[in-house]
Amino acid sequence: MARILFGVLFVLAGMLHFVKPGMYVKIMPPMVPAPWMMVYLSGVAEILGGVGVLVPVTRQAAAWGLVALLVCVWPANFYMAMRPELFPGIPVWALWVRVPMQMPMIWWAWMYTRG
């Protein structure tokens, strides 16, 4: 059941990249090239990873892909926490909570790399 929840969460999160791309562009650190393209690529990666962990033959590869994706997008969480003035609708404490919360998400994805 947890794997289904995990997969569905990533599919939904990936879909949001296409529904509200501006929200994701806003959280991109300035050093990220082509932020709009990165938003769409990461959305596709989340959707494919979410579906992939639900399919036994692709589960391990998809989970490794999501581990890598979660590590790659972690700087956006730091960026948000370091620049709270850019996100006035989000309490500063919530921005900082996002930083360590990436670890349980990486661990959850890693759990499915083992088969």
PDB file of N, CA and C in Angstrom:
ATOM      1  N   MET A   1       0.823  -1.197   0.000  1.00  0.00           N
ATOM      2  CA  MET A   1       0.000   0.000   0.000  1.00  0.00           C
ATOM      3  C   MET A   1       0.870   1.265   0.000  1.00  0.00           C
ATOM      4  N   ALA A   2       1.976   1.234   0.766  1.00  0.00           N
ATOM      5  CA  ALA A   2       2.854   2.406   0.825  1.00  0.00           C
ATOM      6  C   ALA A   2       3.468   2.702  -0.538  1.00  0.00           C
ATOM      7  N   ARG A   3       3.800   1.637  -1.269  1.00  0.00           N
ATOM      8  CA  ARG A   3       4.382   1.826  -2.600  1.00  0.00           C
ATOM      9  C   ARG A   3       3.375   2.467  -3.549  1.00  0.00           C
ATOM     10  N   ILE A   4       2.122   2.078  -3.438  1.00  0.00           N
ATOM     11  CA  ILE A   4       1.081   2.675  -4.285  1.00  0.00           C
ATOM     12  C   ILE A   4       0.932   4.152  -3.938  1.00  0.00           C
ATOM     13  N   LEU A   5       0.889   4.462  -2.661  1.00  0.00           N
ATOM     14  CA  LEU A   5       0.804   5.864  -2.234  1.00  0.00           C
ATOM     15  C   LEU A   5       1.995   6.657  -2.758  1.00  0.00           C
ATOM     16  N   PHE A   6       3.179   6.083  -2.626  1.00  0.00           N
ATOM     17  CA  PHE A   6       4.402   6.731  -3.099  1.00  0.00           C
ATOM     18  C   PHE A   6       4.313   7.025  -4.593  1.00  0.00           C
ATOM     19  N   GLY A   7       3.959   6.012  -5.365  1.00  0.00           N
ATOM     20  CA  GLY A   7       3.860   6.182  -6.810  1.00  0.00           C
ATOM     21  C   GLY A   7       2.823   7.223  -7.196  1.00  0.00           C
ATOM     22  N   VAL A   8       1.661   7.159  -6.574  1.00  0.00           N
ATOM     23  CA  VAL A   8       0.591   8.114  -6.888  1.00  0.00           C
ATOM     24  C   VAL A   8       1.008   9.531  -6.512  1.00  0.00           C
ATOM     25  N   LEU A   9       1.672   9.692  -5.370  1.00  0.00           N
ATOM     26  CA  LEU A   9       2.132  11.026  -4.972  1.00  0.00           C
ATOM     27  C   LEU A   9       3.071  11.625  -6.015  1.00  0.00           C
ATOM     28  N   PHE A  10       3.966  10.802  -6.551  1.00  0.00           N
ATOM     29  CA  PHE A  10       4.885  11.322  -7.562  1.00  0.00           C
ATOM     30  C   PHE A  10       4.188  11.616  -8.876  1.00  0.00           C
ATOM     31  N   VAL A  11       3.239  10.800  -9.250  1.00  0.00           N
ATOM     32  CA  VAL A  11       2.485  11.093 -10.474  1.00  0.00           C
ATOM     33  C   VAL A  11       1.731  12.418 -10.317  1.00  0.00           C
ATOM     34  N   LEU A  12       1.076  12.595  -9.186  1.00  0.00           N
ATOM     35  CA  LEU A  12       0.336  13.844  -8.956  1.00  0.00           C
ATOM     36  C   LEU A  12       1.270  15.047  -8.887  1.00  0.00           C
ATOM     37  N   ALA A  13       2.395  14.889  -8.189  1.00  0.00           N
ATOM     38  CA  ALA A  13       3.364  15.984  -8.101  1.00  0.00           C
ATOM     39  C   ALA A  13       3.910  16.324  -9.477  1.00  0.00           C
ATOM     40  N   GLY A  14       4.179  15.316 -10.283  1.00  0.00           N
ATOM     41  CA  GLY A  14       4.660  15.552 -11.643  1.00  0.00           C
ATOM     42  C   GLY A  14       3.632  16.277 -12.490  1.00  0.00           C
ATOM     43  N   MET A  15       2.378  15.916 -12.332  1.00  0.00           N
ATOM     44  CA  MET A  15       1.313  16.588 -13.083  1.00  0.00           C
ATOM     45  C   MET A  15       1.212  18.070 -12.717  1.00  0.00           C
ATOM     46  N   LEU A  16       1.478  18.374 -11.455  1.00  0.00           N
ATOM     47  CA  LEU A  16       1.443  19.777 -11.020  1.00  0.00           C
ATOM     48  C   LEU A  16       2.467  20.633 -11.749  1.00  0.00           C
ATOM     49  N   HIS A  17       3.553  20.025 -12.199  1.00  0.00           N
ATOM     50  CA  HIS A  17       4.564  20.766 -12.953  1.00  0.00           C
ATOM     51  C   HIS A  17       3.982  21.322 -14.247  1.00  0.00           C
ATOM     52  N   PHE A  18       2.961  20.682 -14.761  1.00  0.00           N
ATOM     53  CA  PHE A  18       2.324  21.128 -15.999  1.00  0.00           C
ATOM     54  C   PHE A  18       1.108  22.003 -15.735  1.00  0.00           C
ATOM     55  N   VAL A  19       0.490  21.836 -14.579  1.00  0.00           N
ATOM     56  CA  VAL A  19      -0.675  22.634 -14.207  1.00  0.00           C
ATOM     57  C   VAL A  19      -0.247  24.007 -13.674  1.00  0.00           C
ATOM     58  N   LYS A  20       0.795  24.035 -12.865  1.00  0.00           N
ATOM     59  CA  LYS A  20       1.291  25.267 -12.234  1.00  0.00           C
ATOM     60  C   LYS A  20       2.798  25.401 -12.423  1.00  0.00           C
ATOM     61  N   PRO A  21       3.282  25.451 -13.648  1.00  0.00           N
ATOM     62  CA  PRO A  21       4.739  25.493 -13.859  1.00  0.00           C
ATOM     63  C   PRO A  21       5.408  26.726 -13.267  1.00  0.00           C
ATOM     64  N   GLY A  22       4.709  27.859 -13.262  1.00  0.00           N
ATOM     65  CA  GLY A  22       5.291  29.083 -12.716  1.00  0.00           C
ATOM     66  C   GLY A  22       5.678  28.952 -11.260  1.00  0.00           C
ATOM     67  N   MET A  23       4.907  28.182 -10.515  1.00  0.00           N
ATOM     68  CA  MET A  23       5.204  27.960  -9.099  1.00  0.00           C
ATOM     69  C   MET A  23       6.565  27.263  -8.956  1.00  0.00           C
ATOM     70  N   TYR A  24       6.831  26.307  -9.824  1.00  0.00           N
ATOM     71  CA  TYR A  24       8.098  25.574  -9.762  1.00  0.00           C
ATOM     72  C   TYR A  24       9.259  26.404 -10.295  1.00  0.00           C
ATOM     73  N   VAL A  25       9.010  27.210 -11.301  1.00  0.00           N
ATOM     74  CA  VAL A  25      10.065  28.087 -11.829  1.00  0.00           C
ATOM     75  C   VAL A  25      10.523  29.048 -10.738  1.00  0.00           C
ATOM     76  N   LYS A  26       9.576  29.518  -9.956  1.00  0.00           N
ATOM     77  CA  LYS A  26       9.886  30.483  -8.899  1.00  0.00           C
ATOM     78  C   LYS A  26      10.833  29.915  -7.839  1.00  0.00           C
ATOM     79  N   ILE A  27      10.786  28.615  -7.601  1.00  0.00           N
ATOM     80  CA  ILE A  27      11.630  28.038  -6.552  1.00  0.00           C
ATOM     81  C   ILE A  27      12.982  27.567  -7.076  1.00  0.00           C
ATOM     82  N   MET A  28      13.203  27.723  -8.368  1.00  0.00           N
ATOM     83  CA  MET A  28      14.483  27.313  -8.953  1.00  0.00           C
ATOM     84  C   MET A  28      15.590  28.291  -8.552  1.00  0.00           C
ATOM     85  N   PRO A  29      16.694  27.774  -8.054  1.00  0.00           N
ATOM     86  CA  PRO A  29      17.832  28.665  -7.779  1.00  0.00           C
ATOM     87  C   PRO A  29      18.294  29.317  -9.090  1.00  0.00           C
ATOM     88  N   PRO A  30      18.795  30.540  -9.023  1.00  0.00           N
ATOM     89  CA  PRO A  30      19.187  31.265 -10.239  1.00  0.00           C
ATOM     90  C   PRO A  30      20.250  30.556 -11.081  1.00  0.00           C
ATOM     91  N   MET A  31      21.050  29.694 -10.464  1.00  0.00           N
ATOM     92  CA  MET A  31      22.109  29.037 -11.231  1.00  0.00           C
ATOM     93  C   MET A  31      21.596  27.903 -12.116  1.00  0.00           C
ATOM     94  N   VAL A  32      20.324  27.536 -11.973  1.00  0.00           N
ATOM     95  CA  VAL A  32      19.763  26.463 -12.793  1.00  0.00           C
ATOM     96  C   VAL A  32      19.475  27.014 -14.191  1.00  0.00           C
ATOM     97  N   PRO A  33      20.081  26.395 -15.207  1.00  0.00           N
ATOM     98  CA  PRO A  33      19.828  26.873 -16.575  1.00  0.00           C
ATOM     99  C   PRO A  33      18.454  26.426 -17.066  1.00  0.00           C
ATOM    100  N   ALA A  34      17.865  27.221 -17.946  1.00  0.00           N
ATOM    101  CA  ALA A  34      16.583  26.890 -18.590  1.00  0.00           C
ATOM    102  C   ALA A  34      15.544  26.409 -17.576  1.00  0.00           C
ATOM    103  N   PRO A  35      15.170  27.273 -16.625  1.00  0.00           N
ATOM    104  CA  PRO A  35      14.275  26.822 -15.549  1.00  0.00           C
ATOM    105  C   PRO A  35      12.941  26.251 -16.037  1.00  0.00           C
ATOM    106  N   TRP A  36      12.345  26.836 -17.068  1.00  0.00           N
ATOM    107  CA  TRP A  36      11.067  26.298 -17.555  1.00  0.00           C
ATOM    108  C   TRP A  36      11.242  24.882 -18.075  1.00  0.00           C
ATOM    109  N   MET A  37      12.294  24.661 -18.839  1.00  0.00           N
ATOM    110  CA  MET A  37      12.552  23.323 -19.361  1.00  0.00           C
ATOM    111  C   MET A  37      12.811  22.342 -18.221  1.00  0.00           C
ATOM    112  N   MET A  38      13.544  22.787 -17.209  1.00  0.00           N
ATOM    113  CA  MET A  38      13.834  21.919 -16.067  1.00  0.00           C
ATOM    114  C   MET A  38      12.557  21.553 -15.301  1.00  0.00           C
ATOM    115  N   VAL A  39      11.643  22.506 -15.221  1.00  0.00           N
ATOM    116  CA  VAL A  39      10.369  22.223 -14.549  1.00  0.00           C
ATOM    117  C   VAL A  39       9.623  21.124 -15.299  1.00  0.00           C
ATOM    118  N   TYR A  40       9.540  21.259 -16.605  1.00  0.00           N
ATOM    119  CA  TYR A  40       8.833  20.251 -17.393  1.00  0.00           C
ATOM    120  C   TYR A  40       9.562  18.907 -17.373  1.00  0.00           C
ATOM    121  N   LEU A  41      10.887  18.924 -17.477  1.00  0.00           N
ATOM    122  CA  LEU A  41      11.645  17.667 -17.429  1.00  0.00           C
ATOM    123  C   LEU A  41      11.490  16.971 -16.077  1.00  0.00           C
ATOM    124  N   SER A  42      11.549  17.748 -15.012  1.00  0.00           N
ATOM    125  CA  SER A  42      11.396  17.128 -13.694  1.00  0.00           C
ATOM    126  C   SER A  42       9.966  16.620 -13.499  1.00  0.00           C
ATOM    127  N   GLY A  43       8.997  17.306 -14.097  1.00  0.00           N
ATOM    128  CA  GLY A  43       7.618  16.822 -14.040  1.00  0.00           C
ATOM    129  C   GLY A  43       7.474  15.486 -14.744  1.00  0.00           C
ATOM    130  N   VAL A  44       8.057  15.373 -15.924  1.00  0.00           N
ATOM    131  CA  VAL A  44       8.033  14.101 -16.658  1.00  0.00           C
ATOM    132  C   VAL A  44       8.738  13.024 -15.848  1.00  0.00           C
ATOM    133  N   ALA A  45       9.881  13.366 -15.253  1.00  0.00           N
ATOM    134  CA  ALA A  45      10.636  12.392 -14.457  1.00  0.00           C
ATOM    135  C   ALA A  45       9.823  11.911 -13.256  1.00  0.00           C
ATOM    136  N   GLU A  46       9.101  12.814 -12.621  1.00  0.00           N
ATOM    137  CA  GLU A  46       8.280  12.424 -11.479  1.00  0.00           C
ATOM    138  C   GLU A  46       7.141  11.508 -11.910  1.00  0.00           C
ATOM    139  N   ILE A  47       6.511  11.836 -13.017  1.00  0.00           N
ATOM    140  CA  ILE A  47       5.412  10.993 -13.508  1.00  0.00           C
ATOM    141  C   ILE A  47       5.931   9.608 -13.885  1.00  0.00           C
ATOM    142  N   LEU A  48       7.003   9.573 -14.669  1.00  0.00           N
ATOM    143  CA  LEU A  48       7.562   8.280 -15.077  1.00  0.00           C
ATOM    144  C   LEU A  48       8.063   7.485 -13.876  1.00  0.00           C
ATOM    145  N   GLY A  49       8.703   8.164 -12.936  1.00  0.00           N
ATOM    146  CA  GLY A  49       9.177   7.476 -11.729  1.00  0.00           C
ATOM    147  C   GLY A  49       8.034   6.946 -10.888  1.00  0.00           C
ATOM    148  N   GLY A  50       6.998   7.761 -10.749  1.00  0.00           N
ATOM    149  CA  GLY A  50       5.832   7.317  -9.975  1.00  0.00           C
ATOM    150  C   GLY A  50       5.163   6.106 -10.587  1.00  0.00           C
ATOM    151  N   VAL A  51       4.985   6.120 -11.893  1.00  0.00           N
ATOM    152  CA  VAL A  51       4.410   4.955 -12.578  1.00  0.00           C
ATOM    153  C   VAL A  51       5.387   3.784 -12.508  1.00  0.00           C
ATOM    154  N   GLY A  52       6.666   4.082 -12.695  1.00  0.00           N
ATOM    155  CA  GLY A  52       7.685   3.031 -12.714  1.00  0.00           C
ATOM    156  C   GLY A  52       7.776   2.239 -11.430  1.00  0.00           C
ATOM    157  N   VAL A  53       7.597   2.882 -10.272  1.00  0.00           N
ATOM    158  CA  VAL A  53       7.681   2.132  -9.017  1.00  0.00           C
ATOM    159  C   VAL A  53       6.469   1.227  -8.817  1.00  0.00           C
ATOM    160  N   LEU A  54       5.431   1.441  -9.585  1.00  0.00           N
ATOM    161  CA  LEU A  54       4.238   0.594  -9.486  1.00  0.00           C
ATOM    162  C   LEU A  54       4.327  -0.658 -10.361  1.00  0.00           C
ATOM    163  N   VAL A  55       5.278  -0.663 -11.277  1.00  0.00           N
ATOM    164  CA  VAL A  55       5.437  -1.781 -12.214  1.00  0.00           C
ATOM    165  C   VAL A  55       6.639  -2.618 -11.767  1.00  0.00           C
ATOM    166  N   PRO A  56       6.414  -3.894 -11.452  1.00  0.00           N
ATOM    167  CA  PRO A  56       7.515  -4.707 -10.907  1.00  0.00           C
ATOM    168  C   PRO A  56       8.790  -4.706 -11.747  1.00  0.00           C
ATOM    169  N   VAL A  57       8.676  -4.793 -13.049  1.00  0.00           N
ATOM    170  CA  VAL A  57       9.872  -4.896 -13.885  1.00  0.00           C
ATOM    171  C   VAL A  57      10.688  -3.598 -13.922  1.00  0.00           C
ATOM    172  N   THR A  58      10.059  -2.458 -13.637  1.00  0.00           N
ATOM    173  CA  THR A  58      10.763  -1.167 -13.676  1.00  0.00           C
ATOM    174  C   THR A  58      10.978  -0.569 -12.290  1.00  0.00           C
ATOM    175  N   ARG A  59      10.499  -1.250 -11.267  1.00  0.00           N
ATOM    176  CA  ARG A  59      10.494  -0.680  -9.912  1.00  0.00           C
ATOM    177  C   ARG A  59      11.858  -0.214  -9.440  1.00  0.00           C
ATOM    178  N   GLN A  60      12.866  -1.065  -9.547  1.00  0.00           N
ATOM    179  CA  GLN A  60      14.186  -0.697  -9.027  1.00  0.00           C
ATOM    180  C   GLN A  60      14.792   0.478  -9.795  1.00  0.00           C
ATOM    181  N   ALA A  61      14.737   0.439 -11.102  1.00  0.00           N
ATOM    182  CA  ALA A  61      15.304   1.528 -11.899  1.00  0.00           C
ATOM    183  C   ALA A  61      14.557   2.833 -11.642  1.00  0.00           C
ATOM    184  N   ALA A  62      13.240   2.759 -11.561  1.00  0.00           N
ATOM    185  CA  ALA A  62      12.443   3.964 -11.309  1.00  0.00           C
ATOM    186  C   ALA A  62      12.757   4.540  -9.935  1.00  0.00           C
ATOM    187  N   ALA A  63      12.909   3.659  -8.956  1.00  0.00           N
ATOM    188  CA  ALA A  63      13.225   4.127  -7.601  1.00  0.00           C
ATOM    189  C   ALA A  63      14.591   4.804  -7.565  1.00  0.00           C
ATOM    190  N   TRP A  64      15.586   4.229  -8.253  1.00  0.00           N
ATOM    191  CA  TRP A  64      16.904   4.879  -8.315  1.00  0.00           C
ATOM    192  C   TRP A  64      16.784   6.232  -9.008  1.00  0.00           C
ATOM    193  N   GLY A  65      15.972   6.300 -10.048  1.00  0.00           N
ATOM    194  CA  GLY A  65      15.762   7.570 -10.736  1.00  0.00           C
ATOM    195  C   GLY A  65      15.140   8.607  -9.817  1.00  0.00           C
ATOM    196  N   LEU A  66      14.194   8.189  -8.990  1.00  0.00           N
ATOM    197  CA  LEU A  66      13.567   9.130  -8.057  1.00  0.00           C
ATOM    198  C   LEU A  66      14.528   9.542  -6.944  1.00  0.00           C
ATOM    199  N   VAL A  67      15.376   8.623  -6.495  1.00  0.00           N
ATOM    200  CA  VAL A  67      16.408   9.002  -5.518  1.00  0.00           C
ATOM    201  C   VAL A  67      17.271  10.109  -6.118  1.00  0.00           C
ATOM    202  N   ALA A  68      17.732   9.899  -7.345  1.00  0.00           N
ATOM    203  CA  ALA A  68      18.577  10.900  -8.011  1.00  0.00           C
ATOM    204  C   ALA A  68      17.825  12.216  -8.197  1.00  0.00           C
ATOM    205  N   LEU A  69      16.581  12.139  -8.605  1.00  0.00           N
ATOM    206  CA  LEU A  69      15.783  13.352  -8.799  1.00  0.00           C
ATOM    207  C   LEU A  69      15.627  14.116  -7.485  1.00  0.00           C
ATOM    208  N   LEU A  70      15.313  13.410  -6.427  1.00  0.00           N
ATOM    209  CA  LEU A  70      15.139  14.066  -5.126  1.00  0.00           C
ATOM    210  C   LEU A  70      16.425  14.745  -4.657  1.00  0.00           C
ATOM    211  N   VAL A  71      17.548  14.122  -4.914  1.00  0.00           N
ATOM    212  CA  VAL A  71      18.832  14.748  -4.561  1.00  0.00           C
ATOM    213  C   VAL A  71      19.045  15.991  -5.423  1.00  0.00           C
ATOM    214  N   CYS A  72      18.728  15.894  -6.696  1.00  0.00           N
ATOM    215  CA  CYS A  72      18.944  17.022  -7.622  1.00  0.00           C
ATOM    216  C   CYS A  72      18.052  18.224  -7.330  1.00  0.00           C
ATOM    217  N   VAL A  73      16.843  17.981  -6.839  1.00  0.00           N
ATOM    218  CA  VAL A  73      15.943  19.109  -6.572  1.00  0.00           C
ATOM    219  C   VAL A  73      16.092  19.658  -5.155  1.00  0.00           C
ATOM    220  N   TRP A  74      16.893  18.989  -4.333  1.00  0.00           N
ATOM    221  CA  TRP A  74      17.100  19.446  -2.958  1.00  0.00           C
ATOM    222  C   TRP A  74      17.584  20.898  -2.882  1.00  0.00           C
ATOM    223  N   PRO A  75      18.469  21.348  -3.764  1.00  0.00           N
ATOM    224  CA  PRO A  75      18.894  22.756  -3.694  1.00  0.00           C
ATOM    225  C   PRO A  75      17.737  23.758  -3.776  1.00  0.00           C
ATOM    226  N   ALA A  76      16.659  23.393  -4.419  1.00  0.00           N
ATOM    227  CA  ALA A  76      15.504  24.302  -4.469  1.00  0.00           C
ATOM    228  C   ALA A  76      14.930  24.511  -3.066  1.00  0.00           C
ATOM    229  N   ASN A  77      14.942  23.473  -2.239  1.00  0.00           N
ATOM    230  CA  ASN A  77      14.466  23.623  -0.866  1.00  0.00           C
ATOM    231  C   ASN A  77      15.371  24.563  -0.071  1.00  0.00           C
ATOM    232  N   PHE A  78      16.682  24.412  -0.249  1.00  0.00           N
ATOM    233  CA  PHE A  78      17.624  25.320   0.411  1.00  0.00           C
ATOM    234  C   PHE A  78      17.427  26.750  -0.083  1.00  0.00           C
ATOM    235  N   TYR A  79      17.258  26.904  -1.379  1.00  0.00           N
ATOM    236  CA  TYR A  79      17.061  28.228  -1.964  1.00  0.00           C
ATOM    237  C   TYR A  79      15.837  28.910  -1.350  1.00  0.00           C
ATOM    238  N   MET A  80      14.759  28.166  -1.260  1.00  0.00           N
ATOM    239  CA  MET A  80      13.544  28.739  -0.667  1.00  0.00           C
ATOM    240  C   MET A  80      13.786  29.176   0.774  1.00  0.00           C
ATOM    241  N   ALA A  81      14.469  28.347   1.544  1.00  0.00           N
ATOM    242  CA  ALA A  81      14.727  28.664   2.952  1.00  0.00           C
ATOM    243  C   ALA A  81      15.656  29.864   3.098  1.00  0.00           C
ATOM    244  N   MET A  82      16.608  29.988   2.186  1.00  0.00           N
ATOM    245  CA  MET A  82      17.569  31.084   2.253  1.00  0.00           C
ATOM    246  C   MET A  82      17.010  32.399   1.723  1.00  0.00           C
ATOM    247  N   ARG A  83      15.949  32.333   0.938  1.00  0.00           N
ATOM    248  CA  ARG A  83      15.355  33.536   0.340  1.00  0.00           C
ATOM    249  C   ARG A  83      13.862  33.645   0.671  1.00  0.00           C
ATOM    250  N   PRO A  84      13.516  33.669   1.969  1.00  0.00           N
ATOM    251  CA  PRO A  84      12.098  33.668   2.355  1.00  0.00           C
ATOM    252  C   PRO A  84      11.319  34.874   1.844  1.00  0.00           C
ATOM    253  N   GLU A  85      12.021  35.968   1.565  1.00  0.00           N
ATOM    254  CA  GLU A  85      11.320  37.157   1.069  1.00  0.00           C
ATOM    255  C   GLU A  85      10.683  36.916  -0.303  1.00  0.00           C
ATOM    256  N   LEU A  86      11.172  35.917  -1.020  1.00  0.00           N
ATOM    257  CA  LEU A  86      10.597  35.584  -2.326  1.00  0.00           C
ATOM    258  C   LEU A  86       9.338  34.735  -2.210  1.00  0.00           C
ATOM    259  N   PHE A  87       9.065  34.248  -0.999  1.00  0.00           N
ATOM    260  CA  PHE A  87       7.922  33.367  -0.767  1.00  0.00           C
ATOM    261  C   PHE A  87       7.104  33.868   0.421  1.00  0.00           C
ATOM    262  N   PRO A  88       6.536  35.076   0.304  1.00  0.00           N
ATOM    263  CA  PRO A  88       5.867  35.701   1.446  1.00  0.00           C
ATOM    264  C   PRO A  88       4.643  34.942   1.947  1.00  0.00           C
ATOM    265  N   GLY A  89       4.057  34.111   1.143  1.00  0.00           N
ATOM    266  CA  GLY A  89       2.873  33.364   1.567  1.00  0.00           C
ATOM    267  C   GLY A  89       3.189  32.112   2.366  1.00  0.00           C
ATOM    268  N   ILE A  90       4.481  31.802   2.514  1.00  0.00           N
ATOM    269  CA  ILE A  90       4.878  30.587   3.226  1.00  0.00           C
ATOM    270  C   ILE A  90       5.659  30.987   4.472  1.00  0.00           C
ATOM    271  N   PRO A  91       5.239  30.509   5.643  1.00  0.00           N
ATOM    272  CA  PRO A  91       5.991  30.850   6.859  1.00  0.00           C
ATOM    273  C   PRO A  91       7.449  30.372   6.758  1.00  0.00           C
ATOM    274  N   VAL A  92       8.351  31.161   7.320  1.00  0.00           N
ATOM    275  CA  VAL A  92       9.781  30.832   7.260  1.00  0.00           C
ATOM    276  C   VAL A  92      10.044  29.451   7.857  1.00  0.00           C
ATOM    277  N   TRP A  93       9.381  29.119   8.959  1.00  0.00           N
ATOM    278  CA  TRP A  93       9.604  27.808   9.573  1.00  0.00           C
ATOM    279  C   TRP A  93       9.250  26.687   8.599  1.00  0.00           C
ATOM    280  N   ALA A  94       8.202  26.882   7.803  1.00  0.00           N
ATOM    281  CA  ALA A  94       7.793  25.850   6.844  1.00  0.00           C
ATOM    282  C   ALA A  94       8.836  25.695   5.735  1.00  0.00           C
ATOM    283  N   LEU A  95       9.454  26.805   5.351  1.00  0.00           N
ATOM    284  CA  LEU A  95      10.506  26.729   4.342  1.00  0.00           C
ATOM    285  C   LEU A  95      11.680  25.906   4.855  1.00  0.00           C
ATOM    286  N   TRP A  96      12.011  26.089   6.118  1.00  0.00           N
ATOM    287  CA  TRP A  96      13.138  25.335   6.694  1.00  0.00           C
ATOM    288  C   TRP A  96      12.777  23.871   6.944  1.00  0.00           C
ATOM    289  N   VAL A  97      11.520  23.585   7.233  1.00  0.00           N
ATOM    290  CA  VAL A  97      11.101  22.195   7.441  1.00  0.00           C
ATOM    291  C   VAL A  97      11.259  21.396   6.147  1.00  0.00           C
ATOM    292  N   ARG A  98      11.086  22.048   5.007  1.00  0.00           N
ATOM    293  CA  ARG A  98      11.221  21.371   3.715  1.00  0.00           C
ATOM    294  C   ARG A  98      12.628  20.805   3.505  1.00  0.00           C
ATOM    295  N   VAL A  99      13.623  21.456   4.079  1.00  0.00           N
ATOM    296  CA  VAL A  99      15.013  21.024   3.853  1.00  0.00           C
ATOM    297  C   VAL A  99      15.257  19.621   4.422  1.00  0.00           C
ATOM    298  N   PRO A 100      15.033  19.379   5.713  1.00  0.00           N
ATOM    299  CA  PRO A 100      15.287  18.026   6.220  1.00  0.00           C
ATOM    300  C   PRO A 100      14.242  16.996   5.767  1.00  0.00           C
ATOM    301  N   MET A 101      13.060  17.455   5.369  1.00  0.00           N
ATOM    302  CA  MET A 101      12.026  16.516   4.927  1.00  0.00           C
ATOM    303  C   MET A 101      12.394  15.807   3.628  1.00  0.00           C
ATOM    304  N   GLN A 102      13.384  16.322   2.934  1.00  0.00           N
ATOM    305  CA  GLN A 102      13.822  15.660   1.705  1.00  0.00           C
ATOM    306  C   GLN A 102      14.459  14.302   2.032  1.00  0.00           C
ATOM    307  N   MET A 103      15.091  14.197   3.188  1.00  0.00           N
ATOM    308  CA  MET A 103      15.744  12.936   3.569  1.00  0.00           C
ATOM    309  C   MET A 103      14.754  11.771   3.680  1.00  0.00           C
ATOM    310  N   PRO A 104      13.624  11.925   4.371  1.00  0.00           N
ATOM    311  CA  PRO A 104      12.677  10.801   4.398  1.00  0.00           C
ATOM    312  C   PRO A 104      12.129  10.452   3.010  1.00  0.00           C
ATOM    313  N   MET A 105      11.995  11.444   2.152  1.00  0.00           N
ATOM    314  CA  MET A 105      11.521  11.158   0.791  1.00  0.00           C
ATOM    315  C   MET A 105      12.575  10.352   0.028  1.00  0.00           C
ATOM    316  N   ILE A 106      13.837  10.725   0.193  1.00  0.00           N
ATOM    317  CA  ILE A 106      14.923   9.968  -0.455  1.00  0.00           C
ATOM    318  C   ILE A 106      14.957   8.547   0.103  1.00  0.00           C
ATOM    319  N   TRP A 107      14.835   8.418   1.397  1.00  0.00           N
ATOM    320  CA  TRP A 107      14.823   7.089   2.019  1.00  0.00           C
ATOM    321  C   TRP A 107      13.653   6.258   1.504  1.00  0.00           C
ATOM    322  N   TRP A 108      12.458   6.876   1.402  1.00  0.00           N
ATOM    323  CA  TRP A 108      11.270   6.159   0.921  1.00  0.00           C
ATOM    324  C   TRP A 108      11.509   5.645  -0.501  1.00  0.00           C
ATOM    325  N   ALA A 109      12.078   6.479  -1.346  1.00  0.00           N
ATOM    326  CA  ALA A 109      12.391   6.048  -2.718  1.00  0.00           C
ATOM    327  C   ALA A 109      13.438   4.930  -2.685  1.00  0.00           C
ATOM    328  N   TRP A 110      14.449   5.093  -1.850  1.00  0.00           N
ATOM    329  CA  TRP A 110      15.521   4.105  -1.768  1.00  0.00           C
ATOM    330  C   TRP A 110      14.989   2.731  -1.346  1.00  0.00           C
ATOM    331  N   MET A 111      13.965   2.708  -0.523  1.00  0.00           N
ATOM    332  CA  MET A 111      13.376   1.443  -0.084  1.00  0.00           C
ATOM    333  C   MET A 111      12.933   0.586  -1.260  1.00  0.00           C
ATOM    334  N   TYR A 112      12.543   1.219  -2.361  1.00  0.00           N
ATOM    335  CA  TYR A 112      12.054   0.467  -3.512  1.00  0.00           C
ATOM    336  C   TYR A 112      13.174   0.132  -4.501  1.00  0.00           C
ATOM    337  N   THR A 113      14.403   0.538  -4.201  1.00  0.00           N
ATOM    338  CA  THR A 113      15.535   0.172  -5.062  1.00  0.00           C
ATOM    339  C   THR A 113      15.975  -1.262  -4.789  1.00  0.00           C
ATOM    340  N   ARG A 114      15.517  -1.812  -3.706  1.00  0.00           N
ATOM    341  CA  ARG A 114      15.972  -3.132  -3.287  1.00  0.00           C
ATOM    342  C   ARG A 114      15.062  -4.260  -3.753  1.00  0.00           C
ATOM    343  N   GLY A 115      14.117  -3.925  -4.591  1.00  0.00           N
ATOM    344  CA  GLY A 115      13.275  -4.983  -5.154  1.00  0.00           C
ATOM    345  C   GLY A 115      11.893  -5.048  -4.619  1.00  0.00           C
TER     346      GLY A 115
END
